[in-house]
Protein backbone atom coordinates (compact mmCIF):
# COMPACT_ATOMS: atom_id res chain seq x y z
CA MET A 1 0.30 11.42 21.17
CA ASN A 2 -2.86 13.26 22.25
CA ARG A 3 -5.03 12.17 25.17
CA ARG A 4 -7.63 10.44 22.98
CA ASP A 5 -5.02 8.41 21.09
CA ALA A 6 -3.29 7.49 24.34
CA ALA A 7 -6.57 6.18 25.75
CA SER A 8 -7.25 4.09 22.66
CA ALA A 9 -3.67 2.79 22.75
CA TRP A 10 -4.19 1.69 26.38
CA PHE A 11 -7.33 -0.25 25.45
CA LEU A 12 -5.85 -1.79 22.30
CA ARG A 13 -2.64 -2.79 24.06
CA GLY A 14 -4.61 -5.11 26.32
CA THR A 15 -6.73 -6.46 23.47
CA VAL A 16 -3.71 -7.13 21.28
CA GLY A 17 -1.96 -8.88 24.15
CA ARG A 18 -4.86 -11.26 24.70
CA VAL A 19 -5.36 -12.04 21.01
CA VAL A 20 -1.67 -12.49 20.27
CA GLY A 21 -1.20 -14.58 23.41
CA TRP A 22 -3.76 -17.05 22.06
CA THR A 23 -2.57 -16.86 18.45
CA ILE A 24 1.10 -17.61 18.98
CA SER A 25 0.93 -19.52 22.25
CA PRO A 26 4.22 -21.44 22.76
CA ASP A 27 2.14 -24.47 23.71
CA ALA A 28 0.73 -24.71 20.17
CA SER A 29 2.49 -26.21 17.14
CA TRP A 30 3.75 -23.93 14.39
CA ILE A 31 0.94 -25.20 12.15
CA TRP A 32 -1.70 -24.18 14.67
CA ARG A 33 -0.04 -20.82 15.31
CA ARG A 34 -0.20 -20.12 11.57
CA ARG A 35 -3.83 -21.19 11.31
CA ARG A 36 -4.84 -19.04 14.28
CA GLY A 37 -3.02 -16.07 12.78
CA GLU A 38 -4.89 -16.48 9.50
CA ALA A 39 -8.20 -16.68 11.36
CA VAL A 40 -7.53 -13.49 13.32
CA THR A 41 -6.51 -11.48 10.27
CA LEU A 42 -9.57 -12.41 8.22
CA VAL A 43 -11.35 -9.46 9.85
CA SER A 44 -8.64 -6.94 8.95
CA PRO A 45 -10.07 -4.31 6.55
CA THR A 46 -8.20 -3.90 3.28
CA ALA A 47 -7.87 -0.63 1.37
CA ARG A 48 -10.38 0.16 -1.34
CA GLY A 49 -9.39 0.72 -4.94
CA VAL A 50 -6.75 -2.02 -5.00
CA ASP A 51 -7.14 -5.06 -7.23
CA ARG A 52 -5.90 -8.18 -5.44
CA ARG A 53 -5.22 -11.58 -6.92
CA ARG A 54 -3.11 -14.59 -6.08
CA ALA A 55 -0.20 -15.10 -8.43
CA GLU A 56 3.38 -16.30 -8.55
CA LEU A 57 6.53 -14.21 -8.73
CA GLY A 58 9.36 -16.30 -10.08
CA GLY A 59 7.46 -19.36 -8.90
CA ILE A 60 7.00 -17.96 -5.36
CA PRO A 61 3.32 -17.74 -4.24
CA ALA A 62 2.31 -14.12 -3.73
CA ASP A 63 -0.40 -11.53 -3.47
CA ARG A 64 -0.34 -9.15 -6.45
CA LEU A 65 -1.88 -5.82 -5.46
CA GLU A 66 -2.54 -3.20 -8.12
CA PRO A 67 -4.02 0.18 -7.21
CA ARG A 68 -6.07 2.13 -9.73
CA ASN A 69 -3.36 4.76 -10.01
CA ALA A 70 -0.51 2.28 -10.48
CA THR A 71 2.78 3.44 -12.02
CA HIS A 72 4.19 0.39 -13.75
CA GLY A 73 7.86 1.34 -13.83
CA THR A 74 8.13 0.84 -10.07
CA ALA A 75 7.15 -2.08 -7.85
CA LEU A 76 7.12 -2.78 -4.13
CA LEU A 77 8.27 -6.17 -2.87
CA PHE A 78 6.90 -6.76 0.64
CA LEU A 79 8.32 -9.37 3.03
CA HIS A 80 6.00 -10.15 5.93
CA GLY A 81 6.99 -10.61 9.55
CA GLY A 82 6.27 -13.45 11.92
CA GLY A 83 9.63 -14.50 13.30
CA TYR A 84 10.40 -16.38 10.06
CA CYS A 85 8.06 -19.10 11.38
CA VAL A 86 4.51 -17.72 11.05
CA GLY A 87 2.75 -15.05 8.99
CA SER A 88 1.68 -14.82 5.38
CA ALA A 89 0.84 -12.40 2.62
CA ALA A 90 -2.85 -12.81 3.49
CA ALA A 91 -2.23 -11.78 7.09
CA TYR A 92 -0.83 -8.42 5.95
CA ARG A 93 -3.42 -7.35 3.39
CA ASN A 94 -4.66 -4.45 5.51
CA VAL A 95 -1.08 -3.10 5.45
CA THR A 96 0.01 -4.09 1.93
CA THR A 97 -3.12 -2.83 0.19
CA ARG A 98 -2.61 0.55 1.86
CA LEU A 99 1.05 0.66 0.89
CA ALA A 100 0.09 -0.19 -2.70
CA ARG A 101 -2.59 2.51 -2.79
CA ASP A 102 -0.52 5.22 -1.11
CA LEU A 103 2.66 4.48 -3.10
CA GLY A 104 0.68 4.09 -6.31
CA VAL A 105 2.66 1.02 -7.41
CA VAL A 106 2.01 -2.65 -8.04
CA THR A 107 2.90 -4.44 -4.81
CA TRP A 108 3.96 -8.04 -4.45
CA ALA A 109 3.70 -9.65 -1.01
CA ILE A 110 5.35 -13.05 -1.24
CA ASP A 111 4.82 -16.21 0.81
CA TYR A 112 8.44 -17.16 1.31
CA ARG A 113 9.17 -20.54 2.89
CA LEU A 114 8.95 -20.61 6.66
CA ALA A 115 11.05 -22.19 9.39
CA PRO A 116 11.41 -24.58 11.09
CA GLU A 117 10.49 -26.70 8.06
CA HIS A 118 12.57 -24.42 5.86
CA PRO A 119 15.36 -22.72 7.85
CA TYR A 120 17.87 -20.21 6.50
CA PRO A 121 18.65 -19.69 3.65
CA ALA A 122 15.26 -20.77 2.23
CA GLY A 123 13.39 -17.52 2.92
CA LEU A 124 16.25 -15.39 1.64
CA GLU A 125 16.57 -17.51 -1.50
CA ASP A 126 12.86 -17.00 -2.20
CA ALA A 127 13.22 -13.24 -1.75
CA VAL A 128 16.13 -13.14 -4.21
CA VAL A 129 14.16 -15.18 -6.76
CA ALA A 130 11.17 -12.84 -6.44
CA TYR A 131 13.36 -9.75 -6.77
CA ARG A 132 15.06 -11.12 -9.89
CA ALA A 133 11.64 -11.92 -11.37
CA LEU A 134 10.64 -8.28 -10.98
CA LEU A 135 13.79 -7.20 -12.81
CA ASP A 136 13.10 -9.71 -15.57
CA SER A 137 9.55 -8.34 -15.93
CA GLY A 138 10.92 -4.92 -16.92
CA VAL A 139 10.45 -3.04 -13.66
CA THR A 140 13.04 -0.28 -13.46
CA ARG A 141 12.74 0.50 -9.75
CA VAL A 142 12.14 -1.99 -6.97
CA ILE A 143 11.41 -0.86 -3.42
CA VAL A 144 11.67 -3.57 -0.76
CA ALA A 145 9.95 -3.37 2.61
CA GLY A 146 9.11 -5.60 5.52
CA ASP A 147 8.32 -5.67 9.21
CA SER A 148 9.94 -7.48 12.14
CA ALA A 149 11.55 -10.64 10.68
CA GLY A 150 10.51 -9.35 7.27
CA GLY A 151 12.51 -6.21 8.05
CA GLY A 152 15.54 -8.36 8.78
CA LEU A 153 14.92 -10.28 5.57
CA THR A 154 14.65 -6.99 3.67
CA LEU A 155 18.07 -5.93 4.87
CA ALA A 156 19.55 -9.40 4.22
CA LEU A 157 18.11 -9.29 0.68
CA ALA A 158 19.88 -6.00 -0.03
CA LEU A 159 23.14 -7.55 1.22
CA ALA A 160 22.63 -10.69 -0.88
CA LEU A 161 21.94 -8.63 -4.00
CA ARG A 162 25.15 -6.71 -3.39
CA GLU A 163 27.10 -9.97 -3.07
CA GLN A 164 25.60 -11.28 -6.31
CA GLY A 165 26.30 -8.09 -8.23
CA LEU A 166 22.63 -7.36 -8.87
CA PRO A 167 21.16 -3.85 -8.96
CA ALA A 168 20.25 -2.56 -5.52
CA PRO A 169 16.68 -1.72 -4.50
CA ALA A 170 15.66 1.91 -4.88
CA ALA A 171 14.93 2.03 -1.14
CA LEU A 172 14.46 -0.22 1.88
CA GLY A 173 11.53 0.09 4.28
CA LEU A 174 11.87 -1.43 7.74
CA ILE A 175 9.11 -1.51 10.37
CA SER A 176 10.28 -2.66 13.82
CA PRO A 177 13.03 -4.79 12.23
CA TRP A 178 14.44 -7.89 13.94
CA LEU A 179 18.13 -7.77 13.07
CA ASP A 180 19.96 -9.60 15.87
CA LEU A 181 18.90 -13.21 16.47
CA THR A 182 21.72 -14.15 18.81
CA ALA A 183 21.01 -15.63 22.23
CA GLU A 184 23.05 -12.82 23.76
CA ALA A 185 20.75 -10.25 22.18
CA VAL A 186 17.66 -11.94 23.57
CA ALA A 187 19.21 -12.04 27.04
CA ARG A 188 20.14 -8.36 27.06
CA ARG A 189 16.86 -7.01 25.69
CA PRO A 190 15.63 -4.28 28.02
CA ALA A 191 12.47 -4.97 29.97
CA ALA A 192 9.40 -4.11 27.89
CA PRO A 193 6.38 -4.51 30.19
CA ARG A 194 4.17 -2.51 27.82
CA GLU A 195 4.95 -4.71 24.80
CA PRO A 196 1.83 -6.82 24.00
CA PHE A 197 2.94 -8.43 20.77
CA ILE A 198 6.23 -10.30 21.19
CA THR A 199 8.00 -12.00 24.10
CA ARG A 200 11.48 -13.28 24.85
CA ARG A 201 10.02 -16.80 24.72
CA LEU A 202 8.86 -16.19 21.15
CA LEU A 203 12.27 -14.88 20.14
CA ASP A 204 13.90 -17.88 21.79
CA ASP A 205 11.64 -20.20 19.76
CA CYS A 206 11.97 -18.46 16.41
CA ALA A 207 15.67 -17.57 16.29
CA PRO A 208 17.12 -21.11 16.38
CA ALA A 209 14.31 -22.40 14.19
CA TYR A 210 15.29 -19.95 11.46
CA ALA A 211 19.07 -20.13 11.86
CA GLY A 212 19.07 -23.92 11.69
CA SER A 213 22.63 -25.21 11.37
CA HIS A 214 24.06 -21.71 10.81
CA PRO A 215 25.46 -19.55 13.61
CA ARG A 216 22.93 -16.98 14.75
CA ASP A 217 25.45 -14.16 14.31
CA HIS A 218 25.88 -15.00 10.61
CA PRO A 219 25.49 -11.64 8.82
CA MET A 220 22.70 -12.96 6.60
CA VAL A 221 20.82 -14.38 9.59
CA SER A 222 21.46 -11.37 11.83
CA PRO A 223 22.22 -8.58 9.33
CA ILE A 224 23.17 -6.12 12.06
CA PHE A 225 26.59 -7.85 11.92
CA ALA A 226 27.06 -7.25 8.18
CA ASP A 227 29.04 -4.56 6.39
CA LEU A 228 26.37 -1.87 6.15
CA ALA A 229 28.20 0.52 3.85
CA GLY A 230 26.74 1.39 0.47
CA LEU A 231 23.14 0.45 1.21
CA PRO A 232 20.14 2.08 -0.51
CA PRO A 233 18.25 4.79 1.39
CA ILE A 234 16.46 3.30 4.41
CA VAL A 235 13.10 4.32 5.85
CA LEU A 236 12.70 2.95 9.36
CA ASP A 237 9.84 2.99 11.86
CA SER A 238 10.50 2.06 15.49
CA SER A 239 8.32 2.13 18.59
CA GLU A 240 9.15 3.08 22.16
CA ASP A 241 7.64 0.03 23.88
CA ASP A 242 8.91 -2.53 21.37
CA LEU A 243 10.91 -5.39 22.91
CA ILE A 244 13.40 -5.21 20.01
CA VAL A 245 13.50 -1.44 19.58
CA THR A 246 17.27 -1.42 20.08
CA ASP A 247 17.79 -3.30 16.81
CA GLY A 248 16.45 -0.33 14.90
CA SER A 249 18.40 2.25 16.88
CA ARG A 250 21.63 0.27 16.41
CA LEU A 251 20.99 0.09 12.68
CA VAL A 252 20.48 3.85 12.46
CA GLU A 253 23.80 4.50 14.20
CA LEU A 254 25.74 1.96 12.14
CA VAL A 255 24.34 2.99 8.77
CA ARG A 256 24.86 6.70 9.39
CA ALA A 257 28.39 6.00 10.64
CA ALA A 258 29.02 4.17 7.35
CA GLY A 259 27.81 7.20 5.37
CA GLY A 260 24.35 5.85 4.61
CA GLU A 261 20.95 7.54 4.63
CA VAL A 262 18.23 6.66 7.16
CA ASP A 263 14.85 8.34 7.58
CA HIS A 264 13.90 7.25 11.11
CA ARG A 265 10.49 7.78 12.70
CA HIS A 266 10.23 6.81 16.38
CA HIS A 267 6.69 6.33 17.71
CA GLU A 268 6.39 7.08 21.42
CA GLY A 269 4.05 5.03 23.59
CA LEU A 270 3.49 2.34 20.95
CA TRP A 271 4.53 -1.26 20.48
CA HIS A 272 6.04 -3.71 18.00
CA VAL A 273 4.44 -3.35 14.53
CA PHE A 274 1.34 -1.57 15.80
CA HIS A 275 0.90 -0.79 12.08
CA LEU A 276 -0.93 -4.13 11.84
CA LEU A 277 -4.01 -2.37 13.22
CA ALA A 278 -4.25 -0.19 10.09
CA GLY A 279 -7.78 0.12 8.85
CA GLY A 280 -9.20 -0.36 12.33
CA TRP A 281 -7.27 2.26 14.29
CA PRO A 282 -6.59 5.76 12.89
CA VAL A 283 -3.18 5.97 14.61
CA ALA A 284 -1.99 2.83 12.80
CA SER A 285 -3.56 3.86 9.49
CA GLU A 286 -1.81 7.22 9.63
CA ALA A 287 1.51 5.54 10.47
CA VAL A 288 1.24 3.29 7.40
CA LYS A 289 0.32 6.27 5.23
CA ASP A 290 3.29 8.25 6.56
CA PHE A 291 5.61 5.26 6.05
CA ALA A 292 4.43 4.96 2.43
CA ARG A 293 4.97 8.66 1.79
CA ARG A 294 8.52 8.58 3.13
CA LEU A 295 9.30 5.32 1.34
CA GLY A 296 8.08 6.76 -1.94
CA ALA A 297 10.23 9.84 -1.49
CA ALA A 298 13.30 7.74 -0.66
CA GLY A 299 12.85 5.54 -3.70
CA SER A 300 11.88 8.27 -6.15
CA ALA A 301 15.18 8.54 -8.06
CA PRO A 302 15.64 5.86 -10.75
CA ASP A 303 18.60 3.55 -10.18
CA PRO A 304 20.89 3.94 -13.21
CA ASP A 305 22.21 0.38 -12.95
CA LEU A 306 18.68 -0.98 -12.93
CA VAL A 307 17.63 1.08 -15.93
CA ARG A 308 20.77 0.03 -17.82
CA MET A 309 20.13 -3.63 -17.04
CA VAL A 310 16.52 -3.48 -18.27
CA GLN A 311 17.54 -1.62 -21.45
CA THR A 312 20.32 -4.12 -22.17
CA SER A 313 18.07 -7.15 -21.60
CA GLY A 314 15.44 -5.66 -23.91
């Protein structure tokens, strides 16, 4: 990172910390945390040249984002972060519209059900329904991506599809993924004094809310404990100052040990999902653009099982 970018990162780190501290204050209810998050993200600039409309994907509420250069044989399914308890498709439009534009594909960002009202497996069930709806629509390649909890949900979705015998995604994109929700993981997280976005208190609140009555080391709740062999190509972004950076590094080691493919970009001097500043900060905008480029390359080869399924159903 050059001197100018480092200076802007220093300033933004403090600003993000103050805004996020108010938005997801542990003293506020989940409803108010969600409302504050929506209010903050209303000022996030979306990418130009992308048609956006509210729709449903298999009955799941979603943003449908279509760039002018859209290739209709491929789609991106985006699963937002927020600890499984907050966040929405609307809150990520500055990121998802850029992914849609840079990938050149119709992008669906779904509003899956949130905990604690809807603990596991509600969010995962919604993701499976949305994925199946894309297959039923005739899409021959589906790329799935998400950040933080949405990154964990992305990996869990790939595992669930494998269990159900459904065609695998063409590629998986994970930004600062949260993959280990166990209390032990929270306790052993390394100190992250430069992390402005998430705290141990937030992880302690969100993890049991999402897991519900299921053990937090269940491989669909904490997919780092799953069998990670045979996964689609993975594109992963991690950040040096991220409180949960070790989840991504563990995943890279485990997937490569199992013979899988991971394209890992580690951002020094940056924090958890700094990509959310895309459109307002050139460093974040460039990171999203780079992520889209790598994700497109990873998912460029058509999946023969998916093509065969579409041809058979037609």
